[in-house]
Amino acid sequence: MQRDLHEQNRLSWNAATAAHNSHKGDQAAFFRAGGDTLFPEELELLGELEGVELLHLQCNAGQDTLSLARRGARATGVDISDEAIRFARELSAGSGIAAQFERADIYDWLREAGAAGRTFDRVFSSYGAIGWLSDLEAWGRGIARVLRPGGRFVLVEFHRAAMMQGEDLRPLQPYRSYGKPLHEPEGIGDYVAASGEGLLHGAPGEAGVQDFRNPHPTWEFAWGISDVVMALLDAGLTLEALREWPYSNGCLIHPGMRADENRRFHPPPGMPDLPLMFGVAARKG
C-alpha cells in the first residue's frame, strides 16, 4: 500500500468535493422532500435493504449512503476525505436521515474494523472507487473479513475500458498498470459541473464554483475487471453476478456523450456501444 500517495489524493479530494457540492443546491431539503441518488443497477445487486447492516466504502459526501439508509439499511460510510465526511455528517443531520460516517484511509479502516470484530451484511462501493486502490489483494481480504457469513459485497463501477480513453476517445492510459501509480498533475476535476443534470438527481442546482482548478495532483491505479474479480475470489468470496452496461449513470465520461431521460450517458452518435460500467456481486460462504 502506498499511503503517501493516498494522502496526496486525500488533499485533491478535499478540494474537489467542496467544488462538487457547490453545484448541488440545498441537498438537505432535497432529501427531506424524498430525494434519492441511487440507480437501479446498484439496487438490483444489493437486494433487500430493510434492517440490513451496510458498510459503504469510499462513500464520498454521503449522498448514496443516506439514500441506502432511507431504504432501511443501518449504514456506515467510510471515506478518506475530511471534507467529504464533514459534509456527509452535516447532510445526515440536516436531512434527518441517520447514518454513521467515519474518516479513514480504507486500508487502515478495514484492518482496524476486522481486528475489532466489526461485521456487516452488505459491503458496497461504487462509481470511481477502484482507481484509488493501491493494493487490490489487501482490499479483497479486508472486505471478506468484515462480511458476515452469507453477506454480500456489491460494486458498481465505471468500466476500465472507458476510463482509459482521453477526450478524443483514443487510449490515453493502459488498461491495467499492475499496481504502478499513474500521475494526474491536474488532480480531480469538476465532473459534477461537466455532467450538468446528470449528477443532480433531479434536485435544483446552482452555478457554484466556476472554472475549478484543483491545486493538488493525484495518483491513480489502473485495474482491469479480472483484477477486481480475482481479488474477491482469492479472498474466499463466491462470485454471484458480473454485469456490463453500455452507458454511464449520471456522469459524463467523455465529451459528446448523450444523456437519456434516466440520466444515463451513451456514446456519441455514430459510435458503437462501448462497455461503460460493470457490476459485481460476491458472497461470503
Protein backbone atom coordinates (compact mmCIF):
# COMPACT_ATOMS: atom_id res chain seq x y z
CA MET A 1 0.00 0.00 0.00
CA GLN A 2 1.22 3.47 -0.83
CA ARG A 3 -0.13 5.67 1.92
CA ASP A 4 1.96 8.68 0.92
CA LEU A 5 0.10 8.71 -2.40
CA HIS A 6 -3.20 8.13 -0.65
CA GLU A 7 -2.55 11.26 1.40
CA GLN A 8 -1.87 13.31 -1.72
CA ASN A 9 -5.14 12.02 -3.14
CA ARG A 10 -6.94 12.99 0.08
CA LEU A 11 -5.94 16.62 -0.43
CA SER A 12 -7.18 16.57 -4.01
CA TRP A 13 -10.49 15.03 -2.95
CA ASN A 14 -10.93 17.65 -0.23
CA ALA A 15 -10.69 20.42 -2.80
CA ALA A 16 -12.81 18.66 -5.43
CA THR A 17 -15.58 17.64 -3.03
CA ALA A 18 -16.18 21.24 -1.98
CA ALA A 19 -16.45 22.25 -5.64
CA HIS A 20 -18.78 19.35 -6.48
CA ASN A 21 -21.21 20.12 -3.68
CA SER A 22 -21.27 23.82 -4.57
CA HIS A 23 -23.40 22.92 -7.61
CA LYS A 24 -26.00 20.79 -5.82
CA GLY A 25 -28.06 23.40 -4.02
CA ASP A 26 -29.83 22.58 -0.76
CA GLN A 27 -29.21 18.86 -0.55
CA ALA A 28 -30.75 18.51 2.90
CA ALA A 29 -34.01 19.90 1.51
CA PHE A 30 -33.72 17.51 -1.44
CA PHE A 31 -33.54 14.54 0.92
CA ARG A 32 -36.26 15.84 3.23
CA ALA A 33 -38.53 16.02 0.18
CA GLY A 34 -37.88 12.33 -0.55
CA GLY A 35 -34.89 12.70 -2.89
CA ASP A 36 -32.80 9.63 -3.74
CA THR A 37 -29.46 9.37 -5.54
CA LEU A 38 -29.38 5.64 -6.31
CA PHE A 39 -29.68 3.98 -9.71
CA PRO A 40 -31.44 0.67 -10.49
CA GLU A 41 -28.18 -1.15 -11.23
CA GLU A 42 -26.83 -0.98 -7.68
CA LEU A 43 -30.23 -1.62 -6.10
CA GLU A 44 -30.72 -4.79 -8.12
CA LEU A 45 -27.38 -6.21 -6.96
CA LEU A 46 -27.80 -5.08 -3.35
CA GLY A 47 -31.23 -6.68 -2.88
CA GLU A 48 -33.48 -6.08 0.12
CA LEU A 49 -32.08 -3.42 2.46
CA GLU A 50 -34.60 -3.21 5.30
CA GLY A 51 -32.79 -3.90 8.56
CA VAL A 52 -29.51 -4.69 6.79
CA GLU A 53 -26.22 -3.66 8.40
CA LEU A 54 -24.41 -1.98 5.49
CA LEU A 55 -20.87 -0.67 5.04
CA HIS A 56 -20.34 1.87 2.26
CA LEU A 57 -16.65 2.08 1.37
CA GLN A 58 -15.33 5.25 -0.31
CA CYS A 59 -18.69 6.87 0.33
CA ASN A 60 -17.62 10.38 -0.74
CA ALA A 61 -20.00 13.03 0.66
CA GLY A 62 -22.61 10.51 1.76
CA GLN A 63 -25.49 11.08 -0.64
CA ASP A 64 -25.72 7.41 -1.69
CA THR A 65 -25.15 6.29 1.91
CA LEU A 66 -28.14 8.32 3.06
CA SER A 67 -30.24 7.01 0.18
CA LEU A 68 -29.41 3.47 1.30
CA ALA A 69 -30.27 4.37 4.89
CA ARG A 70 -33.61 5.80 3.79
CA ARG A 71 -34.38 2.40 2.25
CA GLY A 72 -33.94 0.75 5.65
CA ALA A 73 -30.23 -0.05 5.88
CA ARG A 74 -28.26 0.71 9.03
CA ALA A 75 -25.49 2.39 7.12
CA THR A 76 -21.88 3.26 7.90
CA GLY A 77 -19.94 5.33 5.34
CA VAL A 78 -16.14 5.48 5.21
CA ASP A 79 -14.04 7.87 3.14
CA ILE A 80 -10.50 9.27 3.21
CA SER A 81 -11.59 12.85 2.52
CA ASP A 82 -12.06 15.12 5.54
CA GLU A 83 -14.32 17.43 3.54
CA ALA A 84 -16.47 14.54 2.31
CA ILE A 85 -17.06 13.17 5.80
CA ARG A 86 -17.69 16.64 7.25
CA PHE A 87 -20.31 17.30 4.59
CA ALA A 88 -21.86 13.83 4.98
CA ARG A 89 -22.33 14.32 8.72
CA GLU A 90 -23.93 17.72 8.18
CA LEU A 91 -26.18 16.32 5.46
CA SER A 92 -27.26 13.47 7.71
CA ALA A 93 -28.21 15.92 10.47
CA GLY A 94 -29.90 18.36 8.10
CA SER A 95 -31.89 15.70 6.25
CA GLY A 96 -32.94 13.77 9.35
CA ILE A 97 -31.63 10.50 7.86
CA ALA A 98 -29.46 8.64 10.37
CA ALA A 99 -26.15 7.16 9.25
CA GLN A 100 -22.66 6.87 10.71
CA PHE A 101 -19.69 8.41 8.88
CA GLU A 102 -16.04 7.70 9.64
CA ARG A 103 -12.97 9.33 8.09
CA ALA A 104 -10.07 6.98 7.41
CA ASP A 105 -7.82 5.51 4.78
CA ILE A 106 -9.81 2.48 3.62
CA TYR A 107 -6.95 0.08 4.34
CA ASP A 108 -6.50 1.33 7.89
CA TRP A 109 -10.24 1.19 8.46
CA LEU A 110 -10.64 -2.37 7.17
CA ARG A 111 -7.69 -3.59 9.22
CA GLU A 112 -8.92 -1.97 12.43
CA ALA A 113 -12.54 -2.97 11.89
CA GLY A 114 -11.54 -6.56 11.21
CA ALA A 115 -9.39 -6.67 14.33
CA ALA A 116 -12.27 -5.25 16.37
CA GLY A 117 -14.70 -7.86 15.04
CA ARG A 118 -16.99 -5.42 13.24
CA THR A 119 -19.07 -7.21 10.60
CA PHE A 120 -21.76 -6.29 8.06
CA ASP A 121 -24.47 -7.95 5.97
CA ARG A 122 -23.56 -5.88 2.90
CA VAL A 123 -20.43 -4.06 1.82
CA PHE A 124 -20.94 -1.62 -1.04
CA SER A 125 -18.74 0.55 -3.27
CA SER A 126 -19.47 2.42 -6.47
CA TYR A 127 -18.62 4.89 -9.24
CA GLY A 128 -14.99 5.94 -9.31
CA ALA A 129 -13.71 3.91 -6.35
CA ILE A 130 -11.42 1.22 -7.76
CA GLY A 131 -8.92 3.59 -9.37
CA TRP A 132 -7.83 4.92 -5.94
CA LEU A 133 -6.91 1.50 -4.55
CA SER A 134 -3.20 0.74 -4.50
CA ASP A 135 -3.49 -2.89 -3.33
CA LEU A 136 -6.42 -4.96 -4.55
CA GLU A 137 -5.40 -8.09 -2.67
CA ALA A 138 -5.46 -6.29 0.69
CA TRP A 139 -8.77 -4.67 -0.32
CA GLY A 140 -10.36 -8.04 -1.08
CA ARG A 141 -9.10 -9.62 2.14
CA GLY A 142 -10.35 -6.65 4.17
CA ILE A 143 -13.82 -6.87 2.64
CA ALA A 144 -14.01 -10.62 3.26
CA ARG A 145 -13.02 -10.13 6.89
CA VAL A 146 -15.80 -7.64 7.68
CA LEU A 147 -18.53 -9.54 5.83
CA ARG A 148 -20.74 -11.81 7.91
CA PRO A 149 -21.28 -15.39 6.69
CA GLY A 150 -23.80 -15.15 3.89
CA GLY A 151 -23.05 -11.45 3.49
CA ARG A 152 -22.64 -9.85 0.07
CA PHE A 153 -20.21 -7.40 -1.46
CA VAL A 154 -21.56 -5.23 -4.30
CA LEU A 155 -19.60 -2.99 -6.64
CA VAL A 156 -20.97 -0.87 -9.48
CA GLU A 157 -18.14 0.91 -11.23
CA PHE A 158 -17.10 2.71 -14.39
CA HIS A 159 -15.55 0.29 -16.86
CA ARG A 160 -11.80 0.46 -17.20
CA ALA A 161 -12.14 0.28 -21.00
CA ALA A 162 -13.96 3.64 -20.83
CA MET A 163 -11.74 5.29 -18.22
CA MET A 164 -8.53 4.62 -20.15
CA GLN A 165 -9.66 6.85 -23.03
CA GLY A 166 -8.91 10.53 -23.50
CA GLU A 167 -11.34 13.21 -24.64
CA ASP A 168 -10.94 12.12 -28.27
CA LEU A 169 -11.88 8.53 -27.23
CA ARG A 170 -8.41 7.30 -28.12
CA PRO A 171 -6.50 5.26 -25.50
CA LEU A 172 -4.62 7.58 -23.15
CA GLN A 173 -3.77 5.18 -20.33
CA PRO A 174 -3.07 1.45 -20.13
CA TYR A 175 -5.93 -0.93 -19.41
CA ARG A 176 -4.08 -2.02 -16.28
CA SER A 177 -0.97 -0.69 -14.55
CA TYR A 178 -0.23 -3.75 -12.35
CA GLY A 179 -0.15 -1.64 -9.21
CA LYS A 180 2.05 1.08 -10.67
CA PRO A 181 0.65 4.54 -9.87
CA LEU A 182 -0.41 6.82 -12.72
CA HIS A 183 0.23 10.51 -12.11
CA GLU A 184 -2.51 13.04 -12.86
CA PRO A 185 -0.98 16.52 -12.44
CA GLU A 186 -4.34 18.30 -12.78
CA GLY A 187 -5.90 16.37 -9.90
CA ILE A 188 -9.60 15.61 -9.61
CA GLY A 189 -11.70 17.84 -11.82
CA ASP A 190 -15.23 19.15 -11.50
CA TYR A 191 -17.09 16.31 -13.16
CA VAL A 192 -20.32 17.42 -11.45
CA ALA A 193 -20.30 20.72 -13.35
CA ALA A 194 -19.40 18.89 -16.57
CA SER A 195 -22.25 16.39 -16.15
CA GLY A 196 -24.96 19.04 -15.70
CA GLU A 197 -28.28 17.49 -14.70
CA GLY A 198 -26.74 14.02 -14.71
CA LEU A 199 -25.45 14.17 -11.13
CA LEU A 200 -28.08 16.49 -9.67
CA HIS A 201 -30.62 13.64 -9.41
CA GLY A 202 -33.49 15.99 -10.14
CA ALA A 203 -32.51 18.45 -7.40
CA PRO A 204 -32.39 22.17 -8.28
CA GLY A 205 -28.76 23.00 -8.99
CA GLU A 206 -26.68 26.13 -8.52
CA ALA A 207 -23.85 27.66 -10.51
CA GLY A 208 -21.39 27.07 -7.69
CA VAL A 209 -17.64 27.19 -8.20
CA GLN A 210 -16.70 28.27 -11.71
CA ASP A 211 -13.68 27.11 -13.74
CA PHE A 212 -12.45 24.90 -10.90
CA ARG A 213 -8.73 24.05 -10.99
CA ASN A 214 -7.53 21.58 -8.41
CA PRO A 215 -4.22 22.62 -6.79
CA HIS A 216 -3.46 19.04 -5.72
CA PRO A 217 -2.32 16.39 -8.21
CA THR A 218 -3.34 12.76 -7.79
CA TRP A 219 -2.01 9.25 -8.21
CA GLU A 220 -4.39 6.64 -9.56
CA PHE A 221 -4.19 2.89 -10.23
CA ALA A 222 -5.46 1.06 -13.30
CA TRP A 223 -7.14 -2.29 -12.57
CA GLY A 224 -8.90 -4.50 -15.08
CA ILE A 225 -12.14 -6.32 -14.35
CA SER A 226 -10.29 -9.61 -13.92
CA ASP A 227 -8.05 -7.96 -11.28
CA VAL A 228 -11.12 -6.90 -9.30
CA VAL A 229 -12.90 -10.24 -9.56
CA MET A 230 -9.81 -12.29 -8.71
CA ALA A 231 -9.06 -10.13 -5.65
CA LEU A 232 -12.51 -11.08 -4.33
CA LEU A 233 -12.23 -14.77 -5.28
CA ASP A 234 -8.74 -15.05 -3.81
CA ALA A 235 -10.14 -13.62 -0.57
CA GLY A 236 -12.58 -16.53 -0.41
CA LEU A 237 -15.73 -14.90 -1.75
CA THR A 238 -18.01 -16.58 -4.30
CA LEU A 239 -18.94 -14.66 -7.44
CA GLU A 240 -22.72 -14.33 -7.82
CA ALA A 241 -23.06 -11.76 -10.60
CA LEU A 242 -20.93 -9.96 -13.17
CA ARG A 243 -22.60 -7.32 -15.33
CA GLU A 244 -21.53 -4.87 -18.05
CA TRP A 245 -23.57 -1.90 -19.28
CA PRO A 246 -23.15 0.28 -22.41
CA TYR A 247 -23.93 3.53 -20.61
CA SER A 248 -22.67 5.66 -17.72
CA ASN A 249 -25.01 6.51 -14.85
CA GLY A 250 -25.08 10.24 -14.20
CA CYS A 251 -21.52 11.04 -15.20
CA LEU A 252 -20.34 12.50 -18.49
CA ILE A 253 -17.17 10.47 -19.00
CA HIS A 254 -16.36 11.86 -22.45
CA PRO A 255 -17.46 14.99 -24.36
CA GLY A 256 -20.16 14.30 -26.90
CA MET A 257 -21.93 11.63 -24.89
CA ARG A 258 -25.71 11.98 -24.90
CA ALA A 259 -27.99 11.64 -21.89
CA ASP A 260 -31.33 9.86 -21.94
CA GLU A 261 -34.37 10.53 -19.76
CA ASN A 262 -32.95 8.31 -17.00
CA ARG A 263 -29.70 10.32 -16.69
CA ARG A 264 -27.68 7.62 -18.40
CA PHE A 265 -24.96 8.84 -20.75
CA HIS A 266 -24.45 6.92 -24.00
CA PRO A 267 -21.58 7.04 -26.54
CA PRO A 268 -21.70 9.87 -29.09
CA PRO A 269 -23.86 9.33 -32.18
CA GLY A 270 -22.17 7.21 -34.81
CA MET A 271 -20.07 5.26 -32.34
CA PRO A 272 -20.79 1.63 -31.47
CA ASP A 273 -21.79 0.70 -27.95
CA LEU A 274 -18.89 0.57 -25.53
CA PRO A 275 -18.70 -1.06 -22.09
CA LEU A 276 -19.00 1.98 -19.81
CA MET A 277 -19.91 0.38 -16.46
CA PHE A 278 -19.64 -3.00 -14.79
CA GLY A 279 -21.13 -4.55 -11.69
CA VAL A 280 -20.00 -7.35 -9.37
CA ALA A 281 -21.77 -9.18 -6.56
CA ALA A 282 -19.85 -11.69 -4.42
CA ARG A 283 -20.96 -13.61 -1.33
CA LYS A 284 -19.14 -14.87 1.72
CA GLY A 285 -19.92 -18.53 2.38
